[in-house]
Amino acid sequence: MLKIENLHATVADKPILKGLSLTIDAGEIHAIMGPNGAGKSTLSYVLGGRPGYEVTEGSVTFTPSRHAGLDPASIRSSARDVRAEWTPDQVRGDDGGEAIDLLALDPHERAAAGLFLGFQYPVEIPGVSNVQFLRESLNAQRKARGQEPLSGGDFLKLAREKAGLLGLDMDMLKRPVNVGFSGGEKKRNEMVQMGILDPTLAILDETDSGLDIDALRIVGEGINAIMRKPDKAVLLITHYQRLLDYVQPDFVHVLAAGRIVKSGGPELARELEEHGYAEVVA
């Protein structure tokens, strides 16, 4: 589903990612752990298309399994400002789709292709209600995929279902996006967004940050319910084992100095928790 090869990226001309390679297949959950400044958040921002993060070398190929894609012929890896067009006949079925150059797409095109980025610190958007924000976001993606927009009634039914899954009261969805929310409520709200947008690949940057024990359990169960499916995949970025107690990864990777220096199974996270990064990657 996602193939990263020899990825190099800079921020303000400072090299951060220095030859990172990673392959994530459909049905898999991967966790990336590492010390501060290793490049974990930079990786998520590069994949999401955040401005200011410049890729200087390498490639990222994304093969969404269920969402509309772009005509690969319209994408040139050497031209990352391509404005490709979505067409109804590009809507993919569950049997997979064609690989696309993720780095050639704008952020909204990556989202419509099936990518979701969860932030370490979800932002507040005063004056914009959650319900309106989510309905507009979903219908914009549906339009890009050549699908009909959801009616107000159908959307509210979907929103109630996903909010219930995360224990979020519908009244909170009527409030401005994240305004006045606690840290746990912001993270649960973000998981509701993920459930509604229904991505094929979720990149979750320190989703466990700021969560108490109960909120961590609810968010972990939400991730499993929404994303643990054979046609989806997750890249979890975290410092701690505690989230992985609820969302057990298939693979754990240690990111240090801009590249993956060690990979293993769930036991690697426990080893890191017990011994620290320095000893494990020595």
Protein backbone atom coordinates (compact mmCIF):
# COMPACT_ATOMS: atom_id res chain seq x y z
CA MET A 1 0.00 0.00 0.00
CA LEU A 2 2.79 2.43 0.92
CA LYS A 3 6.38 2.15 -0.25
CA ILE A 4 8.96 4.69 0.87
CA GLU A 5 12.37 4.43 -0.75
CA ASN A 6 15.51 6.33 0.26
CA LEU A 7 13.54 9.34 1.44
CA HIS A 8 15.52 12.49 2.18
CA ALA A 9 13.81 15.67 3.42
CA THR A 10 14.84 19.04 4.77
CA VAL A 11 13.18 21.71 6.91
CA ALA A 12 14.54 25.26 6.56
CA ASP A 13 17.49 23.75 4.66
CA LYS A 14 18.30 21.45 7.57
CA PRO A 15 18.42 17.73 6.63
CA ILE A 16 16.01 15.73 8.82
CA LEU A 17 15.21 12.53 6.92
CA LYS A 18 18.36 10.89 5.61
CA GLY A 19 17.58 7.84 3.52
CA LEU A 20 14.43 6.42 5.15
CA SER A 21 12.90 3.32 3.55
CA LEU A 22 9.71 1.55 4.67
CA THR A 23 7.04 -0.69 3.14
CA ILE A 24 3.54 -1.02 4.59
CA ASP A 25 1.14 -3.59 3.14
CA ALA A 26 -2.64 -3.57 3.38
CA GLY A 27 -3.90 -5.09 6.60
CA GLU A 28 -0.80 -4.09 8.57
CA ILE A 29 -0.22 -1.76 11.51
CA HIS A 30 3.30 -0.35 11.83
CA ALA A 31 4.60 1.63 14.79
CA ILE A 32 7.52 4.04 14.60
CA MET A 33 9.33 4.92 17.81
CA GLY A 34 12.43 6.97 18.40
CA PRO A 35 14.06 9.71 20.44
CA ASN A 36 13.13 13.37 20.15
CA GLY A 37 14.47 14.99 17.00
CA ALA A 38 14.75 11.69 15.13
CA GLY A 39 12.42 12.80 12.33
CA LYS A 40 9.17 11.05 13.29
CA SER A 41 6.87 14.05 12.92
CA THR A 42 8.80 15.20 9.86
CA LEU A 43 7.99 11.88 8.21
CA SER A 44 4.28 12.34 8.91
CA TYR A 45 4.30 15.90 7.59
CA VAL A 46 6.17 14.90 4.43
CA LEU A 47 3.65 12.13 3.76
CA GLY A 48 0.77 14.52 4.43
CA GLY A 49 2.21 17.21 2.15
CA ARG A 50 2.77 19.99 4.69
CA PRO A 51 4.38 23.10 3.16
CA GLY A 52 7.94 23.83 4.24
CA TYR A 53 9.03 20.20 4.21
CA GLU A 54 11.11 19.67 1.08
CA VAL A 55 11.85 16.23 -0.32
CA THR A 56 15.31 16.27 -1.87
CA GLU A 57 15.67 12.63 -2.79
CA GLY A 58 13.71 9.37 -2.82
CA SER A 59 10.16 8.33 -3.64
CA VAL A 60 6.84 7.48 -1.98
CA THR A 61 4.39 5.21 -3.80
CA PHE A 62 0.82 4.88 -2.52
CA THR A 63 -1.57 2.18 -3.71
CA PRO A 64 -4.98 2.91 -2.16
CA SER A 65 -7.20 -0.16 -2.11
CA ARG A 66 -10.68 1.33 -2.08
CA HIS A 67 -10.64 4.99 -3.02
CA ALA A 68 -10.40 6.91 -6.23
CA GLY A 69 -6.97 7.51 -7.61
CA LEU A 70 -5.23 9.66 -10.14
CA ASP A 71 -4.33 8.61 -13.65
CA PRO A 72 -0.71 7.50 -13.22
CA ALA A 73 0.07 8.76 -16.71
CA SER A 74 -0.74 12.27 -15.54
CA ILE A 75 1.79 12.11 -12.74
CA ARG A 76 5.49 12.66 -13.28
CA SER A 77 7.81 12.08 -10.35
CA SER A 78 9.93 14.98 -11.52
CA ALA A 79 7.00 17.40 -11.51
CA ARG A 80 5.48 17.61 -8.05
CA ASP A 81 3.23 20.54 -8.84
CA VAL A 82 0.99 18.49 -11.14
CA ARG A 83 -2.70 19.33 -10.84
CA ALA A 84 -4.24 16.01 -11.89
CA GLU A 85 -7.97 15.53 -12.37
CA TRP A 86 -10.20 12.94 -10.73
CA THR A 87 -12.76 11.09 -12.86
CA PRO A 88 -15.65 8.77 -11.93
CA ASP A 89 -14.06 5.77 -13.68
CA GLN A 90 -11.10 6.00 -11.35
CA VAL A 91 -13.11 4.89 -8.32
CA ARG A 92 -11.41 1.76 -7.08
CA GLY A 93 -12.98 -1.44 -5.89
CA ASP A 94 -11.88 -3.60 -2.98
CA ASP A 95 -9.54 -5.55 -5.22
CA GLY A 96 -6.91 -2.83 -5.18
CA GLY A 97 -5.79 -0.08 -7.50
CA GLU A 98 -2.88 1.38 -9.34
CA ALA A 99 0.11 2.84 -7.59
CA ILE A 100 0.41 6.61 -7.58
CA ASP A 101 3.28 8.96 -6.78
CA LEU A 102 2.19 10.41 -3.45
CA LEU A 103 4.72 13.23 -3.60
CA ALA A 104 3.19 14.51 -6.84
CA LEU A 105 -0.13 15.26 -5.11
CA ASP A 106 -1.31 18.29 -3.18
CA PRO A 107 -2.51 17.62 0.39
CA HIS A 108 -6.20 17.59 -0.56
CA GLU A 109 -5.48 15.15 -3.37
CA ARG A 110 -3.65 12.85 -0.97
CA ALA A 111 -6.66 12.95 1.35
CA ALA A 112 -9.05 12.15 -1.49
CA ALA A 113 -6.80 9.26 -2.50
CA GLY A 114 -7.34 7.76 0.96
CA LEU A 115 -4.64 9.22 3.23
CA PHE A 116 -5.45 10.54 6.72
CA LEU A 117 -3.02 12.42 8.95
CA GLY A 118 -3.74 12.63 12.67
CA PHE A 119 -1.94 15.48 14.44
CA GLN A 120 -0.08 15.43 17.72
CA TYR A 121 -1.81 18.72 18.57
CA PRO A 122 -5.17 19.02 16.74
CA VAL A 123 -5.87 22.65 15.89
CA GLU A 124 -8.88 24.73 16.88
CA ILE A 125 -11.01 26.33 14.14
CA PRO A 126 -13.22 29.02 15.73
CA GLY A 127 -16.46 29.80 13.94
CA VAL A 128 -16.63 26.50 12.02
CA SER A 129 -18.89 23.81 13.43
CA ASN A 130 -17.64 20.25 13.58
CA VAL A 131 -20.65 18.96 11.67
CA GLN A 132 -20.27 21.45 8.83
CA PHE A 133 -16.51 20.93 8.65
CA LEU A 134 -16.83 17.16 8.48
CA ARG A 135 -19.68 17.14 5.98
CA GLU A 136 -17.86 19.54 3.66
CA SER A 137 -14.65 17.53 3.99
CA LEU A 138 -16.35 14.22 3.26
CA ASN A 139 -18.38 15.51 0.33
CA ALA A 140 -15.33 17.22 -1.18
CA GLN A 141 -13.56 13.87 -1.14
CA ARG A 142 -16.60 12.07 -2.53
CA LYS A 143 -16.78 14.61 -5.36
CA ALA A 144 -13.10 14.07 -6.11
CA ARG A 145 -13.82 10.34 -6.36
CA GLY A 146 -16.77 10.83 -8.67
CA GLN A 147 -19.30 9.91 -5.99
CA GLU A 148 -22.54 11.63 -5.08
CA PRO A 149 -22.48 13.83 -1.94
CA LEU A 150 -24.18 12.56 1.20
CA SER A 151 -27.43 14.25 2.11
CA GLY A 152 -27.72 16.04 5.43
CA GLY A 153 -29.74 13.18 6.91
CA ASP A 154 -27.37 10.46 5.74
CA PHE A 155 -24.38 12.40 7.00
CA LEU A 156 -25.89 12.92 10.46
CA LYS A 157 -26.61 9.19 10.68
CA LEU A 158 -22.99 8.45 9.83
CA ALA A 159 -21.72 11.09 12.28
CA ARG A 160 -23.82 9.68 15.13
CA GLU A 161 -22.46 6.20 14.46
CA LYS A 162 -18.82 7.28 14.48
CA ALA A 163 -19.24 9.65 17.44
CA GLY A 164 -20.87 6.85 19.43
CA LEU A 165 -17.93 4.59 18.67
CA LEU A 166 -15.58 7.11 20.31
CA GLY A 167 -17.92 8.09 23.15
CA LEU A 168 -18.30 11.64 21.83
CA ASP A 169 -21.61 13.38 22.42
CA MET A 170 -23.30 14.68 19.27
CA ASP A 171 -23.65 18.06 20.95
CA MET A 172 -19.87 18.38 20.75
CA LEU A 173 -20.03 17.93 16.99
CA LYS A 174 -22.20 21.02 16.81
CA ARG A 175 -19.54 23.15 18.50
CA PRO A 176 -16.67 24.88 16.66
CA VAL A 177 -13.90 22.45 15.71
CA ASN A 178 -11.89 21.58 18.85
CA VAL A 179 -12.70 24.92 20.53
CA GLY A 180 -12.87 24.45 24.28
CA PHE A 181 -12.14 20.73 23.98
CA SER A 182 -9.85 18.98 26.43
CA GLY A 183 -6.81 17.15 25.07
CA GLY A 184 -8.64 13.84 25.20
CA GLU A 185 -11.74 15.28 23.52
CA LYS A 186 -9.62 16.68 20.69
CA LYS A 187 -8.08 13.27 20.06
CA ARG A 188 -11.44 11.51 20.18
CA ASN A 189 -12.86 14.14 17.84
CA GLU A 190 -10.00 13.48 15.45
CA MET A 191 -10.77 9.76 15.51
CA VAL A 192 -14.39 10.58 14.70
CA GLN A 193 -13.08 12.54 11.71
CA MET A 194 -11.07 9.49 10.67
CA GLY A 195 -14.11 7.25 10.98
CA ILE A 196 -16.23 9.56 8.85
CA LEU A 197 -13.60 10.11 6.15
CA ASP A 198 -12.86 6.37 6.07
CA PRO A 199 -9.25 6.44 4.81
CA THR A 200 -7.29 3.46 3.55
CA LEU A 201 -4.06 4.63 5.23
CA ALA A 202 -3.93 6.49 8.54
CA ILE A 203 -0.76 8.19 9.75
CA LEU A 204 -1.23 8.98 13.43
CA ASP A 205 1.39 11.26 14.97
CA GLU A 206 1.54 10.70 18.74
CA THR A 207 -2.19 10.19 19.06
CA ASP A 208 -1.59 9.06 22.65
CA SER A 209 -0.12 12.44 23.65
CA GLY A 210 -2.14 14.09 26.41
CA LEU A 211 -4.55 11.18 26.94
CA ASP A 212 -5.50 9.83 30.34
CA ILE A 213 -6.01 6.10 30.88
CA ASP A 214 -9.69 6.03 29.91
CA ALA A 215 -9.26 8.26 26.85
CA LEU A 216 -6.31 6.16 25.72
CA ARG A 217 -8.41 3.01 25.86
CA ILE A 218 -11.29 4.63 23.95
CA VAL A 219 -9.00 6.02 21.26
CA GLY A 220 -7.17 2.70 20.93
CA GLU A 221 -10.43 0.81 20.55
CA GLY A 222 -11.56 3.38 17.98
CA ILE A 223 -8.40 2.92 15.91
CA ASN A 224 -8.91 -0.84 15.93
CA ALA A 225 -12.58 -0.60 14.98
CA ILE A 226 -11.99 1.87 12.14
CA MET A 227 -8.64 0.80 10.70
CA ARG A 228 -7.88 -2.83 11.58
CA LYS A 229 -9.22 -4.25 8.32
CA PRO A 230 -7.61 -6.22 5.47
CA ASP A 231 -7.86 -3.32 3.02
CA LYS A 232 -6.50 -0.63 5.38
CA ALA A 233 -3.19 0.16 7.06
CA VAL A 234 -1.90 2.33 9.90
CA LEU A 235 1.39 4.04 10.65
CA LEU A 236 1.49 4.87 14.37
CA ILE A 237 4.10 7.31 15.63
CA THR A 238 4.58 7.12 19.38
CA HIS A 239 7.11 7.42 22.19
CA TYR A 240 5.51 4.89 24.49
CA GLN A 241 4.37 1.29 24.74
CA ARG A 242 1.04 2.23 26.35
CA LEU A 243 -0.86 2.90 23.10
CA LEU A 244 0.50 -0.33 21.65
CA ASP A 245 -1.14 -2.24 24.51
CA TYR A 246 -4.46 -1.35 22.84
CA VAL A 247 -3.39 -1.17 19.19
CA GLN A 248 -0.97 -4.04 18.76
CA PRO A 249 1.33 -3.44 15.80
CA ASP A 250 2.51 -6.04 13.35
CA PHE A 251 5.86 -4.29 13.06
CA VAL A 252 7.80 -1.82 15.21
CA HIS A 253 10.56 0.37 13.79
CA VAL A 254 13.13 2.54 15.53
CA LEU A 255 13.78 5.86 13.80
CA ALA A 256 17.02 7.60 14.73
CA ALA A 257 19.01 10.32 12.96
CA GLY A 258 16.59 10.42 10.06
CA ARG A 259 16.47 6.74 9.13
CA ILE A 260 15.11 3.44 10.39
CA VAL A 261 17.88 1.71 12.30
CA LYS A 262 16.05 -1.32 13.67
CA SER A 263 12.81 -3.21 13.02
CA GLY A 264 11.01 -6.03 14.79
CA GLY A 265 7.70 -7.22 16.15
CA PRO A 266 5.66 -5.96 19.12
CA GLU A 267 8.36 -7.22 21.47
CA LEU A 268 10.71 -4.49 20.21
CA ALA A 269 8.47 -1.79 21.72
CA ARG A 270 8.57 -3.53 25.09
CA GLU A 271 12.34 -3.80 24.84
CA LEU A 272 12.58 -0.08 24.13
CA GLU A 273 10.32 0.70 27.07
CA GLU A 274 12.52 -1.35 29.38
CA HIS A 275 15.99 -0.46 28.16
CA GLY A 276 15.68 2.82 26.24
CA TYR A 277 16.79 3.71 22.73
CA ALA A 278 20.51 4.01 23.30
CA GLU A 279 20.94 0.46 24.55
CA VAL A 280 18.58 -1.20 22.06
CA VAL A 281 20.02 0.37 18.90
CA ALA A 282 23.66 0.25 20.00
